[in-house]
Amino acid sequence: MEQKFLITSEYGIHARPATRLVNLAMTFHSDIDLTALGKTVNLKSIMGLMSLGIYKGEEVVLTVMGSDAEKALTQLTEFIVSENLGQII
């Protein structure tokens, strides 16, 4: 399962929301990847996520595979939208 987002936050995905996003991802059993700027990282890794340097205007793709993939994708999508990090595209 996957979902695309356009990052709309003025500061992109910076340290504080990135940490909360990774912590949320770690609550699921599924494999969760984030692809941006031609690179894919494990969303359960704060260093991986921060290494992407995602800024406003970037497109990112969230990919989730596993036993709780639907629940994970729903909650991660709600987090990204409710925290005004990005919008669904």
Protein backbone atom coordinates (compact mmCIF):
# COMPACT_ATOMS: atom_id res chain seq x y z
CA MET A 1 0.00 0.00 0.00
CA GLU A 2 1.26 3.47 -0.72
CA GLN A 3 0.28 7.11 -0.43
CA LYS A 4 1.82 10.18 -2.05
CA PHE A 5 2.15 13.53 -0.31
CA LEU A 6 3.24 17.03 -1.22
CA ILE A 7 5.17 18.54 1.67
CA THR A 8 3.52 21.84 2.56
CA SER A 9 5.16 22.67 5.89
CA GLU A 10 7.25 25.82 5.66
CA TYR A 11 10.14 23.96 7.32
CA GLY A 12 9.71 20.62 5.55
CA ILE A 13 10.07 17.54 7.71
CA HIS A 14 12.33 18.92 10.43
CA ALA A 15 13.57 17.29 13.65
CA ARG A 16 10.56 17.55 15.97
CA PRO A 17 7.84 16.20 13.63
CA ALA A 18 10.32 13.72 12.15
CA THR A 19 10.91 12.24 15.60
CA ARG A 20 7.17 11.96 16.23
CA LEU A 21 6.63 10.40 12.79
CA VAL A 22 9.37 7.80 13.41
CA ASN A 23 7.98 7.03 16.88
CA LEU A 24 4.54 6.47 15.37
CA ALA A 25 5.98 4.24 12.62
CA MET A 26 7.77 2.12 15.24
CA THR A 27 4.42 1.19 16.83
CA PHE A 28 3.55 -0.96 13.80
CA HIS A 29 4.83 -4.39 12.74
CA SER A 30 4.72 -3.55 9.02
CA ASP A 31 7.71 -2.47 6.95
CA ILE A 32 7.34 1.27 6.37
CA ASP A 33 9.46 3.14 3.82
CA LEU A 34 9.53 6.76 2.74
CA THR A 35 10.79 7.70 -0.71
CA ALA A 36 11.85 11.23 -1.60
CA LEU A 37 14.43 12.82 -3.87
CA GLY A 38 15.13 9.45 -5.50
CA LYS A 39 16.06 7.77 -2.22
CA THR A 40 14.15 5.33 -0.03
CA VAL A 41 14.64 5.03 3.73
CA ASN A 42 13.11 3.00 6.53
CA LEU A 43 10.65 5.33 8.28
CA LYS A 44 11.53 3.66 11.58
CA SER A 45 15.01 5.24 11.37
CA ILE A 46 15.31 8.87 12.45
CA MET A 47 18.78 9.11 10.90
CA GLY A 48 17.44 7.75 7.61
CA LEU A 49 14.55 10.19 7.55
CA MET A 50 16.67 13.20 8.47
CA SER A 51 19.30 12.23 5.86
CA LEU A 52 16.75 12.93 3.11
CA GLY A 53 16.55 16.64 3.91
CA ILE A 54 12.91 16.97 2.85
CA TYR A 55 11.82 20.58 2.31
CA LYS A 56 8.59 22.32 1.33
CA GLY A 57 7.44 21.44 -2.17
CA GLU A 58 8.95 17.94 -2.25
CA GLU A 59 6.85 14.93 -3.19
CA VAL A 60 7.20 11.92 -0.91
CA VAL A 61 5.78 8.42 -1.12
CA LEU A 62 4.92 6.39 1.95
CA THR A 63 5.00 2.61 1.31
CA VAL A 64 3.67 0.16 3.89
CA MET A 65 3.71 -3.64 3.67
CA GLY A 66 2.80 -6.10 6.40
CA SER A 67 0.17 -7.45 8.74
CA ASP A 68 -1.03 -4.05 9.99
CA ALA A 69 -0.32 -2.08 6.81
CA GLU A 70 -3.81 -0.58 6.44
CA LYS A 71 -3.89 0.68 10.02
CA ALA A 72 -0.32 1.99 9.76
CA LEU A 73 -0.95 3.84 6.50
CA THR A 74 -4.16 5.38 7.86
CA GLN A 75 -2.55 6.64 11.08
CA LEU A 76 0.63 7.89 9.39
CA THR A 77 -1.46 9.71 6.76
CA GLU A 78 -3.61 11.29 9.48
CA PHE A 79 -0.44 12.42 11.29
CA ILE A 80 1.12 14.00 8.21
CA VAL A 81 -2.09 15.85 7.31
CA SER A 82 -3.12 16.88 10.85
CA GLU A 83 0.37 18.18 11.68
CA ASN A 84 0.29 20.26 8.47
CA LEU A 85 3.41 18.53 7.18
CA GLY A 86 1.85 17.69 3.84
CA GLN A 87 -1.23 17.05 1.77
CA ILE A 88 -2.36 13.93 -0.05
CA ILE A 89 -1.78 13.96 -3.81
